[in-house]
């Protein structure tokens, strides 16, 4: 048996909801204004707003943060958290205004720099986003969330080595990521390694992300996760409304792509089946499974998968066409 590699274009996916907003929802001792104290009324509305935000009532949270600010116009954390809520609604300019006001009041607020960086990146200003992540890290050199987000921004700019370095720091940080986001960091680092041609390193990261997936599922299903917005897939970076289930499917799709590239087609199909079972709307997984079916001589099943992928995202057409042409020309080979 000879090991051969498949040279079709693989469709990796950065899992959605991958950016980390820093909401100050539990640090009650830090609940203070620029004058050192926050009124009881402002604090009461702020605490209720945090609960509403965690329950997914974003409009209710914004209303209560606004009331808290009316009681105390120097309440920096209320501006930060209202900015988060507005970011989650897609109100990026309003979110930026809130983060700016928070930083005017508390210029050493590392979380607000991290959060403002997300808003800048969502508006397409990668340089401004990275500058804010840099500032957050200057203020807290072990700020795992800021490293993670900066890694995504650097990847978006094509700085693969710097992105990998940031994911390394995010995973290792003491003030680090929760377990679900560590899984995402491994997934993203795997994508960057894959882009550099390090298939073995990428496979190891996808394996790690999948190993962490059981806890990831609990995280997505918990009330504490209230639909945070983040990036879409690599194939459609403007789609910021993907379902949480795609976050679970992403590592399976990506590992399936690596296995396909290594000629391990049967194993690849198992992972791609799993990705589609988790998220039936995961277009990239249908593309990759379609390639695998073609390599196995199953053209009807491949065409069904390609059709479904295009129904989900017609921007996948060039990837499909390129892969099909390469397979038909004999450029793609695999191990049975």
Foldseek 3Di string as FASTA:
>chain_A
DDWDFFDADAFAWQFWPQADADQPQPPLVPFAFLVGHADPQLSVLQNVLSVCVLQQNLVSSLVSLVVSCVRPVRRLNSLSNNLQSCVQVVVLVSSLVSLVSSCVGVVLPLSSLQSNLQSCVLVVNLVSSLVSLVSSCVSPVLQLSSLQVNLVSCVVVVNLVSSLVSLVSQLPGPNHDDLLSPLSSLQSNLVSCVVVVNLVSSLVSLVVSLVSLVVNVVVLPDSSCNNRWGATIPLCRNDGRDDNLLNSLNSLSSNLSSCNRRQVLVSSLVSLVVSCVSPVLPLSSLLSNLLSCVQVVNNVSSVVSNVSSCVSPVSCVVSSVRRVVCVVVVVTHHDD
